[in-house]
Amino acid sequence: MSTAQPVPQRRTALGIPWPALLGLALLGLPRVVLHDLGLVHEGTFVNLLLVVVPPMVWIVTAVLRRVPNPFLTLLVLGLIYGVLLALTHQVLWDAAFDAPPTLGGNLGDLAPGTQAVIIRVFAAISSVFTGVLVGAVSGLIAWSLARRG
């Protein structure tokens, strides 16, 4: 008679499996979607919750799971979130703007298609940077809490 052993969940060097990291990163997308669709606005309580709760969940998860390096784990999580943020903004680009954004100054004379490419590339870079920054700040907080505990 054979008894099946449960398959242990693989922990990465980050202390959280990749599917869980993706799931945690996805917690930040509702705000992005609702904001790009004009359904939630800066300065509202709902927006504040949608901005603050996902990183708080990341921090609590990292601390409770006792990940080996909370800063690195949440930095990677922030990178994943930033990539998802960039992709979501690109998909919802037309819904987010009444009129496509344009460049000014010396670049204002560029063809509209060229301007769109430049603006979208810089928006994507900005989104990834934002995600990494959120991950870094969350990671520093989690690292500090883990050291105290």
N, C-alpha and C. Protein backbone atom coordinates (compact mmCIF):
# COMPACT_ATOMS: atom_id res chain seq x y z
N MET A 1 0.84 -1.17 0.00
CA MET A 1 0.00 0.00 0.00
C MET A 1 0.89 1.24 0.00
N SER A 2 0.60 2.11 -0.89
CA SER A 2 1.42 3.31 -1.07
C SER A 2 0.64 4.52 -0.59
N THR A 3 1.32 5.35 0.16
CA THR A 3 0.68 6.61 0.57
C THR A 3 1.34 7.74 -0.18
N ALA A 4 0.53 8.51 -0.82
CA ALA A 4 1.05 9.62 -1.61
C ALA A 4 1.45 10.75 -0.69
N GLN A 5 2.62 11.24 -0.91
CA GLN A 5 3.10 12.38 -0.14
C GLN A 5 2.72 13.65 -0.88
N PRO A 6 2.30 14.69 -0.16
CA PRO A 6 2.00 15.94 -0.86
C PRO A 6 3.27 16.50 -1.49
N VAL A 7 3.10 17.07 -2.64
CA VAL A 7 4.24 17.68 -3.33
C VAL A 7 4.55 19.00 -2.64
N PRO A 8 5.78 19.14 -2.13
CA PRO A 8 6.12 20.40 -1.45
C PRO A 8 6.17 21.54 -2.45
N GLN A 9 5.72 22.69 -1.99
CA GLN A 9 5.75 23.88 -2.84
C GLN A 9 7.20 24.36 -2.92
N ARG A 10 7.70 24.52 -4.12
CA ARG A 10 9.09 24.92 -4.30
C ARG A 10 9.28 26.38 -3.93
N ARG A 11 10.26 26.62 -3.10
CA ARG A 11 10.62 27.99 -2.74
C ARG A 11 11.80 28.41 -3.59
N THR A 12 11.72 29.56 -4.13
CA THR A 12 12.84 30.08 -4.89
C THR A 12 13.82 30.72 -3.92
N ALA A 13 14.93 31.17 -4.42
CA ALA A 13 15.89 31.89 -3.59
C ALA A 13 15.25 33.16 -3.02
N LEU A 14 14.16 33.57 -3.65
CA LEU A 14 13.45 34.76 -3.18
C LEU A 14 12.53 34.44 -2.00
N GLY A 15 12.30 33.16 -1.74
CA GLY A 15 11.47 32.77 -0.60
C GLY A 15 9.99 32.68 -0.92
N ILE A 16 9.61 33.04 -2.11
CA ILE A 16 8.21 32.99 -2.55
C ILE A 16 8.20 32.40 -3.95
N PRO A 17 7.35 31.40 -4.21
CA PRO A 17 7.31 30.80 -5.56
C PRO A 17 6.92 31.85 -6.61
N TRP A 18 7.41 31.64 -7.84
CA TRP A 18 7.14 32.59 -8.93
C TRP A 18 5.65 32.82 -9.16
N PRO A 19 4.79 31.79 -9.15
CA PRO A 19 3.35 32.06 -9.34
C PRO A 19 2.78 32.97 -8.25
N ALA A 20 3.27 32.80 -7.02
CA ALA A 20 2.81 33.67 -5.93
C ALA A 20 3.31 35.09 -6.12
N LEU A 21 4.54 35.25 -6.61
CA LEU A 21 5.05 36.59 -6.90
C LEU A 21 4.18 37.28 -7.95
N LEU A 22 3.82 36.52 -8.98
CA LEU A 22 2.95 37.08 -10.01
C LEU A 22 1.60 37.47 -9.42
N GLY A 23 1.04 36.60 -8.59
CA GLY A 23 -0.24 36.91 -7.94
C GLY A 23 -0.16 38.15 -7.08
N LEU A 24 0.92 38.29 -6.32
CA LEU A 24 1.09 39.49 -5.49
C LEU A 24 1.23 40.74 -6.36
N ALA A 25 1.94 40.62 -7.46
CA ALA A 25 2.09 41.77 -8.37
C ALA A 25 0.75 42.17 -8.96
N LEU A 26 -0.08 41.18 -9.25
CA LEU A 26 -1.40 41.46 -9.84
C LEU A 26 -2.32 42.23 -8.89
N LEU A 27 -2.02 42.21 -7.60
CA LEU A 27 -2.84 42.97 -6.64
C LEU A 27 -2.84 44.47 -6.95
N GLY A 28 -1.80 44.95 -7.60
CA GLY A 28 -1.71 46.37 -7.92
C GLY A 28 -2.44 46.79 -9.18
N LEU A 29 -2.89 45.83 -9.98
CA LEU A 29 -3.49 46.18 -11.27
C LEU A 29 -4.89 46.78 -11.21
N PRO A 30 -5.73 46.43 -10.23
CA PRO A 30 -7.05 47.07 -10.23
C PRO A 30 -6.99 48.59 -10.24
N ARG A 31 -6.07 49.18 -9.49
CA ARG A 31 -5.96 50.63 -9.48
C ARG A 31 -5.57 51.16 -10.85
N VAL A 32 -4.65 50.48 -11.51
CA VAL A 32 -4.18 50.90 -12.83
C VAL A 32 -5.34 50.88 -13.82
N VAL A 33 -6.08 49.79 -13.83
CA VAL A 33 -7.21 49.64 -14.76
C VAL A 33 -8.28 50.69 -14.46
N LEU A 34 -8.66 50.81 -13.19
CA LEU A 34 -9.71 51.76 -12.83
C LEU A 34 -9.28 53.20 -13.10
N HIS A 35 -8.01 53.51 -12.87
CA HIS A 35 -7.52 54.86 -13.14
C HIS A 35 -7.50 55.14 -14.64
N ASP A 36 -6.96 54.20 -15.42
CA ASP A 36 -6.89 54.42 -16.87
C ASP A 36 -8.27 54.52 -17.51
N LEU A 37 -9.25 53.85 -16.92
CA LEU A 37 -10.62 53.93 -17.44
C LEU A 37 -11.39 55.12 -16.87
N GLY A 38 -10.74 55.90 -16.01
CA GLY A 38 -11.37 57.09 -15.44
C GLY A 38 -12.41 56.78 -14.37
N LEU A 39 -12.33 55.60 -13.76
CA LEU A 39 -13.32 55.20 -12.76
C LEU A 39 -12.89 55.51 -11.33
N VAL A 40 -11.61 55.77 -11.14
CA VAL A 40 -11.11 56.16 -9.82
C VAL A 40 -10.14 57.32 -10.05
N HIS A 41 -10.13 58.27 -9.12
CA HIS A 41 -9.37 59.49 -9.33
C HIS A 41 -8.41 59.76 -8.18
N GLU A 42 -7.32 60.44 -8.50
CA GLU A 42 -6.33 60.83 -7.49
C GLU A 42 -7.03 61.59 -6.37
N GLY A 43 -6.55 61.39 -5.16
CA GLY A 43 -7.07 62.14 -4.02
C GLY A 43 -8.30 61.55 -3.37
N THR A 44 -8.83 60.45 -3.90
CA THR A 44 -10.00 59.82 -3.28
C THR A 44 -9.55 58.72 -2.33
N PHE A 45 -10.43 58.38 -1.39
CA PHE A 45 -10.11 57.33 -0.42
C PHE A 45 -9.94 55.98 -1.11
N VAL A 46 -10.77 55.70 -2.10
CA VAL A 46 -10.67 54.44 -2.83
C VAL A 46 -9.31 54.35 -3.52
N ASN A 47 -8.88 55.44 -4.13
CA ASN A 47 -7.56 55.45 -4.79
C ASN A 47 -6.46 55.20 -3.76
N LEU A 48 -6.57 55.85 -2.60
CA LEU A 48 -5.57 55.66 -1.55
C LEU A 48 -5.48 54.18 -1.16
N LEU A 49 -6.63 53.55 -0.96
CA LEU A 49 -6.63 52.12 -0.61
C LEU A 49 -5.99 51.28 -1.71
N LEU A 50 -6.33 51.58 -2.95
CA LEU A 50 -5.79 50.81 -4.07
C LEU A 50 -4.29 51.02 -4.26
N VAL A 51 -3.77 52.14 -3.79
CA VAL A 51 -2.35 52.42 -3.87
C VAL A 51 -1.59 51.77 -2.71
N VAL A 52 -2.15 51.83 -1.51
CA VAL A 52 -1.43 51.43 -0.30
C VAL A 52 -1.57 49.94 0.03
N VAL A 53 -2.73 49.37 -0.19
CA VAL A 53 -2.97 47.99 0.25
C VAL A 53 -2.05 46.97 -0.44
N PRO A 54 -1.88 47.00 -1.77
CA PRO A 54 -1.01 45.97 -2.36
C PRO A 54 0.42 45.94 -1.78
N PRO A 55 1.13 47.07 -1.68
CA PRO A 55 2.46 46.99 -1.08
C PRO A 55 2.43 46.54 0.39
N MET A 56 1.36 46.89 1.11
CA MET A 56 1.24 46.42 2.49
C MET A 56 1.12 44.90 2.53
N VAL A 57 0.36 44.35 1.60
CA VAL A 57 0.24 42.90 1.51
C VAL A 57 1.59 42.28 1.16
N TRP A 58 2.32 42.91 0.26
CA TRP A 58 3.66 42.42 -0.10
C TRP A 58 4.56 42.37 1.14
N ILE A 59 4.55 43.45 1.90
CA ILE A 59 5.41 43.55 3.09
C ILE A 59 5.03 42.48 4.11
N VAL A 60 3.75 42.37 4.41
CA VAL A 60 3.29 41.38 5.38
C VAL A 60 3.65 39.98 4.91
N THR A 61 3.45 39.69 3.64
CA THR A 61 3.77 38.38 3.10
C THR A 61 5.25 38.07 3.26
N ALA A 62 6.10 39.02 2.89
CA ALA A 62 7.56 38.81 2.99
C ALA A 62 7.99 38.57 4.43
N VAL A 63 7.42 39.33 5.35
CA VAL A 63 7.80 39.20 6.76
C VAL A 63 7.28 37.88 7.34
N LEU A 64 6.01 37.56 7.08
CA LEU A 64 5.44 36.33 7.64
C LEU A 64 6.07 35.08 7.06
N ARG A 65 6.43 35.13 5.79
CA ARG A 65 7.07 33.97 5.15
C ARG A 65 8.55 33.88 5.47
N ARG A 66 9.07 34.90 6.13
CA ARG A 66 10.49 34.93 6.51
C ARG A 66 11.40 34.67 5.30
N VAL A 67 11.15 35.44 4.26
CA VAL A 67 11.96 35.28 3.06
C VAL A 67 13.42 35.59 3.40
N PRO A 68 14.36 34.95 2.69
CA PRO A 68 15.77 35.15 3.03
C PRO A 68 16.25 36.59 2.92
N ASN A 69 15.77 37.30 1.90
CA ASN A 69 16.20 38.68 1.68
C ASN A 69 14.97 39.50 1.26
N PRO A 70 14.26 40.07 2.24
CA PRO A 70 13.02 40.80 1.91
C PRO A 70 13.22 41.92 0.90
N PHE A 71 14.35 42.61 0.97
CA PHE A 71 14.57 43.70 0.03
C PHE A 71 14.62 43.15 -1.40
N LEU A 72 15.43 42.12 -1.62
CA LEU A 72 15.56 41.55 -2.96
C LEU A 72 14.23 40.97 -3.44
N THR A 73 13.55 40.26 -2.57
CA THR A 73 12.27 39.65 -2.95
C THR A 73 11.28 40.70 -3.40
N LEU A 74 11.14 41.77 -2.64
CA LEU A 74 10.16 42.79 -3.00
C LEU A 74 10.65 43.69 -4.13
N LEU A 75 11.95 43.78 -4.32
CA LEU A 75 12.47 44.49 -5.48
C LEU A 75 12.09 43.74 -6.76
N VAL A 76 12.25 42.42 -6.75
CA VAL A 76 11.85 41.60 -7.90
C VAL A 76 10.35 41.66 -8.09
N LEU A 77 9.60 41.61 -6.99
CA LEU A 77 8.14 41.73 -7.06
C LEU A 77 7.75 43.07 -7.67
N GLY A 78 8.43 44.13 -7.27
CA GLY A 78 8.18 45.45 -7.85
C GLY A 78 8.49 45.50 -9.34
N LEU A 79 9.54 44.81 -9.75
CA LEU A 79 9.88 44.74 -11.18
C LEU A 79 8.76 44.04 -11.95
N ILE A 80 8.26 42.95 -11.42
CA ILE A 80 7.15 42.24 -12.07
C ILE A 80 5.94 43.16 -12.15
N TYR A 81 5.63 43.84 -11.04
CA TYR A 81 4.52 44.78 -11.02
C TYR A 81 4.73 45.89 -12.05
N GLY A 82 5.94 46.41 -12.15
CA GLY A 82 6.23 47.47 -13.11
C GLY A 82 6.01 47.04 -14.55
N VAL A 83 6.40 45.82 -14.86
CA VAL A 83 6.18 45.29 -16.22
C VAL A 83 4.68 45.15 -16.47
N LEU A 84 3.95 44.64 -15.49
CA LEU A 84 2.49 44.52 -15.65
C LEU A 84 1.85 45.90 -15.77
N LEU A 85 2.35 46.85 -15.01
CA LEU A 85 1.87 48.23 -15.07
C LEU A 85 2.08 48.80 -16.47
N ALA A 86 3.27 48.60 -17.01
CA ALA A 86 3.58 49.10 -18.36
C ALA A 86 2.67 48.46 -19.40
N LEU A 87 2.51 47.15 -19.32
CA LEU A 87 1.66 46.44 -20.29
C LEU A 87 0.21 46.91 -20.19
N THR A 88 -0.28 47.08 -18.97
CA THR A 88 -1.67 47.51 -18.78
C THR A 88 -1.89 48.92 -19.32
N HIS A 89 -0.95 49.81 -19.03
CA HIS A 89 -1.07 51.18 -19.57
C HIS A 89 -1.08 51.17 -21.10
N GLN A 90 -0.26 50.33 -21.71
CA GLN A 90 -0.21 50.26 -23.17
C GLN A 90 -1.53 49.73 -23.74
N VAL A 91 -2.09 48.72 -23.09
CA VAL A 91 -3.36 48.14 -23.57
C VAL A 91 -4.50 49.14 -23.43
N LEU A 92 -4.49 49.92 -22.34
CA LEU A 92 -5.59 50.86 -22.08
C LEU A 92 -5.27 52.28 -22.54
N TRP A 93 -4.22 52.45 -23.32
CA TRP A 93 -3.74 53.77 -23.73
C TRP A 93 -4.85 54.63 -24.33
N ASP A 94 -5.56 54.11 -25.30
CA ASP A 94 -6.59 54.91 -25.98
C ASP A 94 -7.75 55.26 -25.05
N ALA A 95 -8.05 54.38 -24.11
CA ALA A 95 -9.14 54.65 -23.16
C ALA A 95 -8.72 55.70 -22.13
N ALA A 96 -7.43 55.80 -21.86
CA ALA A 96 -6.94 56.71 -20.82
C ALA A 96 -6.89 58.17 -21.27
N PHE A 97 -6.83 58.39 -22.57
CA PHE A 97 -6.67 59.76 -23.07
C PHE A 97 -7.81 60.12 -24.02
N ASP A 98 -8.36 61.32 -23.82
CA ASP A 98 -9.37 61.82 -24.76
C ASP A 98 -8.73 62.09 -26.11
N ALA A 99 -7.54 62.67 -26.07
CA ALA A 99 -6.74 62.91 -27.28
C ALA A 99 -5.34 62.39 -27.00
N PRO A 100 -4.70 61.80 -27.99
CA PRO A 100 -3.36 61.27 -27.75
C PRO A 100 -2.40 62.36 -27.28
N PRO A 101 -1.55 62.05 -26.30
CA PRO A 101 -0.57 63.05 -25.86
C PRO A 101 0.42 63.34 -26.99
N THR A 102 0.92 64.55 -26.99
CA THR A 102 1.88 64.96 -28.02
C THR A 102 3.10 65.59 -27.35
N LEU A 103 4.17 65.64 -28.10
CA LEU A 103 5.39 66.26 -27.62
C LEU A 103 5.37 67.75 -27.95
N GLY A 104 6.14 68.50 -27.23
CA GLY A 104 6.23 69.94 -27.50
C GLY A 104 7.65 70.33 -27.83
N GLY A 105 7.88 71.60 -27.91
CA GLY A 105 9.22 72.11 -28.18
C GLY A 105 9.73 71.66 -29.53
N ASN A 106 11.01 71.35 -29.58
CA ASN A 106 11.65 70.94 -30.84
C ASN A 106 11.08 69.62 -31.36
N LEU A 107 10.53 68.80 -30.48
CA LEU A 107 10.01 67.51 -30.90
C LEU A 107 8.56 67.58 -31.36
N GLY A 108 7.95 68.74 -31.21
CA GLY A 108 6.55 68.92 -31.61
C GLY A 108 6.34 68.80 -33.11
N ASP A 109 7.40 68.98 -33.89
CA ASP A 109 7.29 68.90 -35.35
C ASP A 109 7.41 67.48 -35.89
N LEU A 110 7.71 66.54 -35.01
CA LEU A 110 7.82 65.15 -35.45
C LEU A 110 6.46 64.63 -35.90
N ALA A 111 6.47 63.63 -36.77
CA ALA A 111 5.23 63.00 -37.23
C ALA A 111 4.48 62.43 -36.02
N PRO A 112 3.14 62.48 -36.04
CA PRO A 112 2.35 61.97 -34.91
C PRO A 112 2.69 60.52 -34.54
N GLY A 113 2.95 59.68 -35.52
CA GLY A 113 3.30 58.29 -35.23
C GLY A 113 4.62 58.18 -34.48
N THR A 114 5.57 59.00 -34.86
CA THR A 114 6.87 59.01 -34.19
C THR A 114 6.71 59.52 -32.76
N GLN A 115 5.90 60.57 -32.59
CA GLN A 115 5.65 61.09 -31.25
C GLN A 115 5.00 60.02 -30.38
N ALA A 116 4.04 59.30 -30.94
CA ALA A 116 3.35 58.26 -30.18
C ALA A 116 4.32 57.18 -29.71
N VAL A 117 5.23 56.78 -30.58
CA VAL A 117 6.21 55.75 -30.21
C VAL A 117 7.10 56.26 -29.08
N ILE A 118 7.59 57.48 -29.21
CA ILE A 118 8.46 58.05 -28.18
C ILE A 118 7.73 58.14 -26.84
N ILE A 119 6.53 58.66 -26.85
CA ILE A 119 5.77 58.83 -25.62
C ILE A 119 5.47 57.47 -24.98
N ARG A 120 5.06 56.51 -25.79
CA ARG A 120 4.74 55.17 -25.25
C ARG A 120 5.97 54.47 -24.68
N VAL A 121 7.11 54.61 -25.34
CA VAL A 121 8.34 53.98 -24.83
C VAL A 121 8.72 54.60 -23.48
N PHE A 122 8.67 55.92 -23.40
CA PHE A 122 9.01 56.57 -22.14
C PHE A 122 7.97 56.28 -21.05
N ALA A 123 6.72 56.14 -21.42
CA ALA A 123 5.69 55.76 -20.45
C ALA A 123 5.95 54.36 -19.92
N ALA A 124 6.35 53.44 -20.78
CA ALA A 124 6.65 52.08 -20.36
C ALA A 124 7.86 52.06 -19.41
N ILE A 125 8.90 52.80 -19.77
CA ILE A 125 10.08 52.89 -18.91
C ILE A 125 9.69 53.46 -17.55
N SER A 126 8.87 54.50 -17.56
CA SER A 126 8.42 55.12 -16.33
C SER A 126 7.62 54.14 -15.46
N SER A 127 6.79 53.33 -16.10
CA SER A 127 5.99 52.35 -15.36
C SER A 127 6.88 51.31 -14.69
N VAL A 128 7.86 50.81 -15.42
CA VAL A 128 8.77 49.81 -14.85
C VAL A 128 9.56 50.45 -13.70
N PHE A 129 10.03 51.66 -13.89
CA PHE A 129 10.77 52.37 -12.83
C PHE A 129 9.88 52.55 -11.60
N THR A 130 8.63 52.93 -11.81
CA THR A 130 7.70 53.10 -10.69
C THR A 130 7.53 51.80 -9.93
N GLY A 131 7.34 50.70 -10.65
CA GLY A 131 7.19 49.40 -9.99
C GLY A 131 8.42 49.03 -9.19
N VAL A 132 9.60 49.24 -9.76
CA VAL A 132 10.85 48.92 -9.06
C VAL A 132 10.99 49.80 -7.82
N LEU A 133 10.63 51.07 -7.93
CA LEU A 133 10.71 51.98 -6.78
C LEU A 133 9.75 51.54 -5.66
N VAL A 134 8.53 51.17 -6.02
CA VAL A 134 7.57 50.68 -5.02
C VAL A 134 8.11 49.41 -4.38
N GLY A 135 8.69 48.53 -5.19
CA GLY A 135 9.28 47.31 -4.65
C GLY A 135 10.44 47.59 -3.72
N ALA A 136 11.30 48.54 -4.09
CA ALA A 136 12.46 48.88 -3.25
C ALA A 136 12.03 49.46 -1.91
N VAL A 137 11.08 50.39 -1.93
CA VAL A 137 10.61 51.00 -0.68
C VAL A 137 9.92 49.93 0.18
N SER A 138 9.09 49.11 -0.43
CA SER A 138 8.42 48.03 0.30
C SER A 138 9.46 47.06 0.86
N GLY A 139 10.47 46.76 0.06
CA GLY A 139 11.52 45.85 0.50
C GLY A 139 12.31 46.40 1.68
N LEU A 140 12.59 47.69 1.65
CA LEU A 140 13.29 48.30 2.79
C LEU A 140 12.45 48.22 4.06
N ILE A 141 11.16 48.46 3.93
CA ILE A 141 10.27 48.37 5.09
C ILE A 141 10.21 46.94 5.60
N ALA A 142 10.04 45.97 4.70
CA ALA A 142 9.98 44.56 5.10
C ALA A 142 11.30 44.12 5.73
N TRP A 143 12.41 44.54 5.15
CA TRP A 143 13.72 44.19 5.69
C TRP A 143 13.88 44.74 7.11
N SER A 144 13.44 45.99 7.31
CA SER A 144 13.53 46.61 8.63
C SER A 144 12.65 45.87 9.63
N LEU A 145 11.45 45.51 9.23
CA LEU A 145 10.54 44.78 10.13
C LEU A 145 11.08 43.38 10.44
N ALA A 146 11.64 42.72 9.44
CA ALA A 146 12.18 41.37 9.63
C ALA A 146 13.37 41.39 10.60
N ARG A 147 14.17 42.43 10.53
CA ARG A 147 15.33 42.54 11.43
C ARG A 147 14.89 42.74 12.86
N ARG A 148 13.78 43.43 13.06
CA ARG A 148 13.28 43.68 14.41
C ARG A 148 12.66 42.43 15.04
N GLY A 149 12.07 41.59 14.14
CA GLY A 149 11.33 40.42 14.61
C GLY A 149 12.14 39.27 14.92
